[in-house]
Amino acid sequence: MSNAALRLSGISKGYNKGLPNEVQVLHEVDLTLAPGELVALVAPSGAGKSTLLHIAGLLDTPDSGGVEIGGEDMTGLSDRRRTQVRRNQVGFVYQFHHLLPEFTAAENVLLPQLANGTPRPEAEARAGQLLAQVGLAARADHRPAAMSGGEQQRVAFCRALANAPRLLLADEPTGNLDPATSDTVFEALLGLVRETGLAALIATHNLDLAARMDRQIRLEAGTIHG
């Protein structure tokens, strides 16, 4: 058993196998994230970073290689068990916040917990705690349309962490934001990671933000460098 939050071993993935337009996206990728580690994944568009994040988060399966989350081998798990792991151990944040527009910020953070069987009083308390940690306690009763882009994305981070995952995966989470707002959102993310001790793999084009993480890795020609 490994104590790594995430371990990818020999991950390969291609599309259109056996066809003239076959594309090999990932080739023998190895990657380990320790608990509490914040890692920047830097890659040009089309390099396969989204595919790598989807495989790490059990949204896609590799052609070969293994995925471990919290020391548990994910190979060959049933769909039901993979869904359980995603719900309980992995949080996702995307470039667009994907908040439910008809619900308030607090409700957006509350709902994943209720779906996971958390008693409502406990879920409400955690939602309030997470929103307070990112400076949004006063915005808890506002719907997404009444919030700025940076506020929406901070709520998305809180929602991703609602069920206390061990791993956070984020795909260009500040890509739609101006530099000043990106910095505010990143500081909120950094605070959440440090407070909770989870591991985070953040795909970003922002080299300034990448330089502030614990380490940087590059995805080039289907392989990891750095």
C-alpha atoms as a PDB file:
ATOM      1  CA  MET A   1       0.000   0.000   0.000  1.00  0.00           C
ATOM      2  CA  SER A   2       1.270   3.449  -0.933  1.00  0.00           C
ATOM      3  CA  ASN A   3       0.666   6.569   1.148  1.00  0.00           C
ATOM      4  CA  ALA A   4       0.540   8.689  -2.022  1.00  0.00           C
ATOM      5  CA  ALA A   5      -2.657  10.622  -2.639  1.00  0.00           C
ATOM      6  CA  LEU A   6      -2.318   9.822  -6.353  1.00  0.00           C
ATOM      7  CA  ARG A   7      -0.033   7.515  -8.262  1.00  0.00           C
ATOM      8  CA  LEU A   8      -0.106   7.077 -12.031  1.00  0.00           C
ATOM      9  CA  SER A   9       2.084   4.279 -13.357  1.00  0.00           C
ATOM     10  CA  GLY A  10       2.826   3.779 -17.044  1.00  0.00           C
ATOM     11  CA  ILE A  11      -0.337   5.512 -18.251  1.00  0.00           C
ATOM     12  CA  SER A  12      -0.844   5.367 -22.015  1.00  0.00           C
ATOM     13  CA  LYS A  13      -3.896   6.581 -23.917  1.00  0.00           C
ATOM     14  CA  GLY A  14      -4.708   6.932 -27.588  1.00  0.00           C
ATOM     15  CA  TYR A  15      -7.734   7.553 -29.748  1.00  0.00           C
ATOM     16  CA  ASN A  16      -8.926   6.131 -33.065  1.00  0.00           C
ATOM     17  CA  LYS A  17      -6.905   2.977 -32.579  1.00  0.00           C
ATOM     18  CA  GLY A  18      -6.062   1.205 -35.824  1.00  0.00           C
ATOM     19  CA  LEU A  19      -7.328   4.063 -37.974  1.00  0.00           C
ATOM     20  CA  PRO A  20      -5.279   6.361 -40.224  1.00  0.00           C
ATOM     21  CA  ASN A  21      -5.989   9.277 -37.879  1.00  0.00           C
ATOM     22  CA  GLU A  22      -4.864   7.424 -34.750  1.00  0.00           C
ATOM     23  CA  VAL A  23      -3.529   9.787 -32.083  1.00  0.00           C
ATOM     24  CA  GLN A  24      -1.358   8.748 -29.144  1.00  0.00           C
ATOM     25  CA  VAL A  25      -2.114  11.302 -26.423  1.00  0.00           C
ATOM     26  CA  LEU A  26      -0.260   9.880 -23.401  1.00  0.00           C
ATOM     27  CA  HIS A  27       2.723   7.545 -23.398  1.00  0.00           C
ATOM     28  CA  GLU A  28       3.995   5.752 -20.291  1.00  0.00           C
ATOM     29  CA  VAL A  29       3.178   8.599 -17.910  1.00  0.00           C
ATOM     30  CA  ASP A  30       4.342   8.226 -14.313  1.00  0.00           C
ATOM     31  CA  LEU A  31       3.255  10.717 -11.676  1.00  0.00           C
ATOM     32  CA  THR A  32       2.982  10.704  -7.885  1.00  0.00           C
ATOM     33  CA  LEU A  33       1.339  13.323  -5.661  1.00  0.00           C
ATOM     34  CA  ALA A  34       1.883  13.336  -1.920  1.00  0.00           C
ATOM     35  CA  PRO A  35      -0.794  14.467   0.549  1.00  0.00           C
ATOM     36  CA  GLY A  36      -0.678  18.236   0.947  1.00  0.00           C
ATOM     37  CA  GLU A  37       1.231  18.767  -2.307  1.00  0.00           C
ATOM     38  CA  LEU A  38       0.167  21.394  -4.843  1.00  0.00           C
ATOM     39  CA  VAL A  39       1.465  20.572  -8.324  1.00  0.00           C
ATOM     40  CA  ALA A  40       1.169  22.632 -11.509  1.00  0.00           C
ATOM     41  CA  LEU A  41       0.585  20.757 -14.754  1.00  0.00           C
ATOM     42  CA  VAL A  42       1.791  22.973 -17.596  1.00  0.00           C
ATOM     43  CA  ALA A  43       1.078  22.002 -21.182  1.00  0.00           C
ATOM     44  CA  PRO A  44       0.084  23.607 -24.480  1.00  0.00           C
ATOM     45  CA  SER A  45      -3.467  23.213 -25.734  1.00  0.00           C
ATOM     46  CA  GLY A  46      -4.072  19.773 -27.201  1.00  0.00           C
ATOM     47  CA  ALA A  47      -1.185  18.173 -25.328  1.00  0.00           C
ATOM     48  CA  GLY A  48      -3.454  15.826 -23.376  1.00  0.00           C
ATOM     49  CA  LYS A  49      -3.658  17.487 -19.973  1.00  0.00           C
ATOM     50  CA  SER A  50      -7.446  17.155 -19.810  1.00  0.00           C
ATOM     51  CA  THR A  51      -7.143  13.483 -20.737  1.00  0.00           C
ATOM     52  CA  LEU A  52      -4.572  13.021 -17.978  1.00  0.00           C
ATOM     53  CA  LEU A  53      -6.837  14.721 -15.424  1.00  0.00           C
ATOM     54  CA  HIS A  54      -9.819  12.634 -16.509  1.00  0.00           C
ATOM     55  CA  ILE A  55      -7.840   9.420 -16.115  1.00  0.00           C
ATOM     56  CA  ALA A  56      -6.508  10.535 -12.718  1.00  0.00           C
ATOM     57  CA  GLY A  57     -10.069  11.336 -11.631  1.00  0.00           C
ATOM     58  CA  LEU A  58     -11.545   8.067 -12.961  1.00  0.00           C
ATOM     59  CA  LEU A  59     -13.636   9.818 -15.605  1.00  0.00           C
ATOM     60  CA  ASP A  60     -11.718   7.951 -18.308  1.00  0.00           C
ATOM     61  CA  THR A  61      -9.687   4.757 -18.448  1.00  0.00           C
ATOM     62  CA  PRO A  62      -6.161   4.343 -19.833  1.00  0.00           C
ATOM     63  CA  ASP A  63      -5.234   1.874 -22.550  1.00  0.00           C
ATOM     64  CA  SER A  64      -2.523   0.625 -20.221  1.00  0.00           C
ATOM     65  CA  GLY A  65      -1.025   1.524 -16.870  1.00  0.00           C
ATOM     66  CA  GLY A  66      -2.404   1.885 -13.379  1.00  0.00           C
ATOM     67  CA  VAL A  67      -4.102   4.488 -11.204  1.00  0.00           C
ATOM     68  CA  GLU A  68      -3.912   4.456  -7.408  1.00  0.00           C
ATOM     69  CA  ILE A  69      -5.817   6.883  -5.195  1.00  0.00           C
ATOM     70  CA  GLY A  70      -4.967   6.817  -1.517  1.00  0.00           C
ATOM     71  CA  GLY A  71      -3.054   3.576  -2.041  1.00  0.00           C
ATOM     72  CA  GLU A  72      -6.030   1.753  -3.577  1.00  0.00           C
ATOM     73  CA  ASP A  73      -5.567   0.307  -7.047  1.00  0.00           C
ATOM     74  CA  MET A  74      -8.383   1.544  -9.269  1.00  0.00           C
ATOM     75  CA  THR A  75      -7.746  -1.026 -12.009  1.00  0.00           C
ATOM     76  CA  GLY A  76     -10.711  -3.265 -12.683  1.00  0.00           C
ATOM     77  CA  LEU A  77     -13.088  -1.605 -10.247  1.00  0.00           C
ATOM     78  CA  SER A  78     -16.786  -1.773 -10.993  1.00  0.00           C
ATOM     79  CA  ASP A  79     -18.506   1.360 -12.291  1.00  0.00           C
ATOM     80  CA  ARG A  80     -20.307   1.654  -8.976  1.00  0.00           C
ATOM     81  CA  ARG A  81     -17.078   1.577  -6.981  1.00  0.00           C
ATOM     82  CA  ARG A  82     -15.399   4.081  -9.337  1.00  0.00           C
ATOM     83  CA  THR A  83     -18.360   6.406  -8.815  1.00  0.00           C
ATOM     84  CA  GLN A  84     -18.011   6.045  -5.049  1.00  0.00           C
ATOM     85  CA  VAL A  85     -14.316   6.894  -5.204  1.00  0.00           C
ATOM     86  CA  ARG A  86     -14.969   9.944  -7.391  1.00  0.00           C
ATOM     87  CA  ARG A  87     -17.681  11.174  -5.037  1.00  0.00           C
ATOM     88  CA  ASN A  88     -15.749  10.612  -1.813  1.00  0.00           C
ATOM     89  CA  GLN A  89     -12.077  11.050  -2.691  1.00  0.00           C
ATOM     90  CA  VAL A  90     -11.803  13.304  -5.745  1.00  0.00           C
ATOM     91  CA  GLY A  91     -12.840  16.913  -6.275  1.00  0.00           C
ATOM     92  CA  PHE A  92     -13.015  18.535  -9.709  1.00  0.00           C
ATOM     93  CA  VAL A  93     -12.839  22.191 -10.749  1.00  0.00           C
ATOM     94  CA  TYR A  94     -13.046  23.354 -14.356  1.00  0.00           C
ATOM     95  CA  GLN A  95     -12.417  26.604 -16.228  1.00  0.00           C
ATOM     96  CA  PHE A  96     -16.137  27.391 -16.029  1.00  0.00           C
ATOM     97  CA  HIS A  97     -17.650  27.084 -12.567  1.00  0.00           C
ATOM     98  CA  HIS A  98     -20.706  24.922 -13.515  1.00  0.00           C
ATOM     99  CA  LEU A  99     -22.603  26.067 -10.430  1.00  0.00           C
ATOM    100  CA  LEU A 100     -26.332  25.340 -10.365  1.00  0.00           C
ATOM    101  CA  PRO A 101     -27.879  28.749 -11.119  1.00  0.00           C
ATOM    102  CA  GLU A 102     -31.114  28.244  -9.193  1.00  0.00           C
ATOM    103  CA  PHE A 103     -29.300  27.547  -5.920  1.00  0.00           C
ATOM    104  CA  THR A 104     -27.360  29.856  -3.603  1.00  0.00           C
ATOM    105  CA  ALA A 105     -23.636  29.567  -2.989  1.00  0.00           C
ATOM    106  CA  ALA A 106     -24.283  27.702   0.271  1.00  0.00           C
ATOM    107  CA  GLU A 107     -26.740  25.351  -1.407  1.00  0.00           C
ATOM    108  CA  ASN A 108     -24.267  24.569  -4.185  1.00  0.00           C
ATOM    109  CA  VAL A 109     -21.764  23.475  -1.535  1.00  0.00           C
ATOM    110  CA  LEU A 110     -24.457  21.706   0.473  1.00  0.00           C
ATOM    111  CA  LEU A 111     -25.892  19.509  -2.294  1.00  0.00           C
ATOM    112  CA  PRO A 112     -22.896  17.187  -2.891  1.00  0.00           C
ATOM    113  CA  GLN A 113     -22.821  16.444   0.817  1.00  0.00           C
ATOM    114  CA  LEU A 114     -26.531  15.616   0.989  1.00  0.00           C
ATOM    115  CA  ALA A 115     -26.105  13.351  -2.060  1.00  0.00           C
ATOM    116  CA  ASN A 116     -23.353  11.594  -0.145  1.00  0.00           C
ATOM    117  CA  GLY A 117     -25.571  10.978   2.886  1.00  0.00           C
ATOM    118  CA  THR A 118     -24.196  13.685   5.173  1.00  0.00           C
ATOM    119  CA  PRO A 119     -26.802  14.852   7.724  1.00  0.00           C
ATOM    120  CA  ARG A 120     -28.119  18.286   6.781  1.00  0.00           C
ATOM    121  CA  PRO A 121     -26.946  20.164   9.917  1.00  0.00           C
ATOM    122  CA  GLU A 122     -23.415  18.826   9.451  1.00  0.00           C
ATOM    123  CA  ALA A 123     -23.487  19.634   5.721  1.00  0.00           C
ATOM    124  CA  GLU A 124     -24.717  23.168   6.360  1.00  0.00           C
ATOM    125  CA  ALA A 125     -21.975  23.748   8.906  1.00  0.00           C
ATOM    126  CA  ARG A 126     -19.278  22.544   6.506  1.00  0.00           C
ATOM    127  CA  ALA A 127     -20.649  24.664   3.661  1.00  0.00           C
ATOM    128  CA  GLY A 128     -20.514  27.713   5.884  1.00  0.00           C
ATOM    129  CA  GLN A 129     -17.003  26.884   7.047  1.00  0.00           C
ATOM    130  CA  LEU A 130     -15.660  26.432   3.518  1.00  0.00           C
ATOM    131  CA  LEU A 131     -17.247  29.630   2.219  1.00  0.00           C
ATOM    132  CA  ALA A 132     -15.844  31.541   5.187  1.00  0.00           C
ATOM    133  CA  GLN A 133     -12.363  30.153   4.434  1.00  0.00           C
ATOM    134  CA  VAL A 134     -12.433  31.723   0.969  1.00  0.00           C
ATOM    135  CA  GLY A 135     -13.905  35.014   2.154  1.00  0.00           C
ATOM    136  CA  LEU A 136     -17.466  34.425   0.985  1.00  0.00           C
ATOM    137  CA  ALA A 137     -19.393  34.120   4.235  1.00  0.00           C
ATOM    138  CA  ALA A 138     -21.357  37.253   3.367  1.00  0.00           C
ATOM    139  CA  ARG A 139     -22.220  35.872  -0.079  1.00  0.00           C
ATOM    140  CA  ALA A 140     -23.545  32.499   1.079  1.00  0.00           C
ATOM    141  CA  ASP A 141     -27.172  33.363   0.261  1.00  0.00           C
ATOM    142  CA  HIS A 142     -26.429  34.806  -3.186  1.00  0.00           C
ATOM    143  CA  ARG A 143     -27.097  32.914  -6.393  1.00  0.00           C
ATOM    144  CA  PRO A 144     -24.285  32.618  -8.973  1.00  0.00           C
ATOM    145  CA  ALA A 145     -25.763  35.301 -11.264  1.00  0.00           C
ATOM    146  CA  ALA A 146     -25.371  37.834  -8.455  1.00  0.00           C
ATOM    147  CA  MET A 147     -21.688  36.989  -7.956  1.00  0.00           C
ATOM    148  CA  SER A 148     -18.519  37.978  -9.781  1.00  0.00           C
ATOM    149  CA  GLY A 149     -16.502  35.466 -11.797  1.00  0.00           C
ATOM    150  CA  GLY A 150     -13.914  35.184  -9.072  1.00  0.00           C
ATOM    151  CA  GLU A 151     -16.565  34.616  -6.434  1.00  0.00           C
ATOM    152  CA  GLN A 152     -18.240  31.962  -8.556  1.00  0.00           C
ATOM    153  CA  GLN A 153     -14.969  30.110  -8.974  1.00  0.00           C
ATOM    154  CA  ARG A 154     -14.247  30.246  -5.250  1.00  0.00           C
ATOM    155  CA  VAL A 155     -17.658  28.688  -4.638  1.00  0.00           C
ATOM    156  CA  ALA A 156     -16.728  26.006  -7.184  1.00  0.00           C
ATOM    157  CA  PHE A 157     -13.600  25.225  -5.158  1.00  0.00           C
ATOM    158  CA  CYS A 158     -15.701  24.926  -2.010  1.00  0.00           C
ATOM    159  CA  ARG A 159     -18.134  22.607  -3.759  1.00  0.00           C
ATOM    160  CA  ALA A 160     -15.237  20.437  -4.988  1.00  0.00           C
ATOM    161  CA  LEU A 161     -14.005  20.101  -1.407  1.00  0.00           C
ATOM    162  CA  ALA A 162     -17.447  19.623   0.159  1.00  0.00           C
ATOM    163  CA  ASN A 163     -17.009  15.878   0.727  1.00  0.00           C
ATOM    164  CA  ALA A 164     -13.431  16.263   2.035  1.00  0.00           C
ATOM    165  CA  PRO A 165     -11.639  14.506  -0.858  1.00  0.00           C
ATOM    166  CA  ARG A 166      -8.017  13.487  -0.680  1.00  0.00           C
ATOM    167  CA  LEU A 167      -7.352  14.713  -4.245  1.00  0.00           C
ATOM    168  CA  LEU A 168      -8.301  17.903  -6.103  1.00  0.00           C
ATOM    169  CA  LEU A 169      -8.037  18.064  -9.905  1.00  0.00           C
ATOM    170  CA  ALA A 170      -8.436  21.438 -11.604  1.00  0.00           C
ATOM    171  CA  ASP A 171      -8.378  22.174 -15.342  1.00  0.00           C
ATOM    172  CA  GLU A 172      -7.461  25.825 -16.026  1.00  0.00           C
ATOM    173  CA  PRO A 173      -9.455  27.037 -12.997  1.00  0.00           C
ATOM    174  CA  THR A 174      -8.411  30.682 -13.499  1.00  0.00           C
ATOM    175  CA  GLY A 175      -8.458  30.634 -17.294  1.00  0.00           C
ATOM    176  CA  ASN A 176     -11.555  32.847 -17.601  1.00  0.00           C
ATOM    177  CA  LEU A 177     -10.404  35.426 -15.052  1.00  0.00           C
ATOM    178  CA  ASP A 178      -8.381  38.628 -15.257  1.00  0.00           C
ATOM    179  CA  PRO A 179      -4.918  38.617 -13.594  1.00  0.00           C
ATOM    180  CA  ALA A 180      -5.988  40.306 -10.354  1.00  0.00           C
ATOM    181  CA  THR A 181      -8.985  38.004  -9.924  1.00  0.00           C
ATOM    182  CA  SER A 182      -6.852  34.978 -10.830  1.00  0.00           C
ATOM    183  CA  ASP A 183      -4.511  35.887  -8.008  1.00  0.00           C
ATOM    184  CA  THR A 184      -7.381  36.179  -5.526  1.00  0.00           C
ATOM    185  CA  VAL A 185      -8.833  32.832  -6.594  1.00  0.00           C
ATOM    186  CA  PHE A 186      -5.425  31.159  -6.423  1.00  0.00           C
ATOM    187  CA  GLU A 187      -4.838  32.464  -2.901  1.00  0.00           C
ATOM    188  CA  ALA A 188      -8.197  30.972  -1.895  1.00  0.00           C
ATOM    189  CA  LEU A 189      -7.231  27.661  -3.470  1.00  0.00           C
ATOM    190  CA  LEU A 190      -3.847  27.702  -1.756  1.00  0.00           C
ATOM    191  CA  GLY A 191      -5.481  28.344   1.600  1.00  0.00           C
ATOM    192  CA  LEU A 192      -7.922  25.457   1.132  1.00  0.00           C
ATOM    193  CA  VAL A 193      -5.147  23.046   0.148  1.00  0.00           C
ATOM    194  CA  ARG A 194      -2.978  24.032   3.102  1.00  0.00           C
ATOM    195  CA  GLU A 195      -5.896  23.872   5.538  1.00  0.00           C
ATOM    196  CA  THR A 196      -7.128  20.460   4.432  1.00  0.00           C
ATOM    197  CA  GLY A 197      -3.861  18.726   3.514  1.00  0.00           C
ATOM    198  CA  LEU A 198      -5.262  17.300   0.297  1.00  0.00           C
ATOM    199  CA  ALA A 199      -3.163  16.873  -2.847  1.00  0.00           C
ATOM    200  CA  ALA A 200      -3.946  19.096  -5.828  1.00  0.00           C
ATOM    201  CA  LEU A 201      -3.007  18.787  -9.499  1.00  0.00           C
ATOM    202  CA  ILE A 202      -3.713  22.077 -11.285  1.00  0.00           C
ATOM    203  CA  ALA A 203      -3.513  22.387 -15.069  1.00  0.00           C
ATOM    204  CA  THR A 204      -2.728  25.981 -15.967  1.00  0.00           C
ATOM    205  CA  HIS A 205      -1.278  28.208 -18.680  1.00  0.00           C
ATOM    206  CA  ASN A 206      -0.457  30.848 -16.071  1.00  0.00           C
ATOM    207  CA  LEU A 207       3.270  30.458 -15.459  1.00  0.00           C
ATOM    208  CA  ASP A 208       3.240  32.999 -12.622  1.00  0.00           C
ATOM    209  CA  LEU A 209       0.704  30.916 -10.703  1.00  0.00           C
ATOM    210  CA  ALA A 210       2.524  27.693 -11.600  1.00  0.00           C
ATOM    211  CA  ALA A 211       5.731  29.094 -10.101  1.00  0.00           C
ATOM    212  CA  ARG A 212       3.966  29.548  -6.748  1.00  0.00           C
ATOM    213  CA  MET A 213       3.045  25.893  -6.423  1.00  0.00           C
ATOM    214  CA  ASP A 214       5.183  23.248  -4.737  1.00  0.00           C
ATOM    215  CA  ARG A 215       6.465  21.978  -8.074  1.00  0.00           C
ATOM    216  CA  GLN A 216       5.813  22.145 -11.774  1.00  0.00           C
ATOM    217  CA  ILE A 217       5.566  19.341 -14.293  1.00  0.00           C
ATOM    218  CA  ARG A 218       5.285  19.678 -18.064  1.00  0.00           C
ATOM    219  CA  LEU A 219       3.344  17.458 -20.408  1.00  0.00           C
ATOM    220  CA  GLU A 220       5.091  17.324 -23.774  1.00  0.00           C
ATOM    221  CA  ALA A 221       4.674  14.811 -26.578  1.00  0.00           C
ATOM    222  CA  GLY A 222       2.613  12.598 -24.296  1.00  0.00           C
ATOM    223  CA  THR A 223       5.187  12.316 -21.515  1.00  0.00           C
ATOM    224  CA  ILE A 224       5.805  14.059 -18.205  1.00  0.00           C
ATOM    225  CA  HIS A 225       8.901  16.179 -17.600  1.00  0.00           C
ATOM    226  CA  GLY A 226      10.038  17.805 -14.379  1.00  0.00           C
END
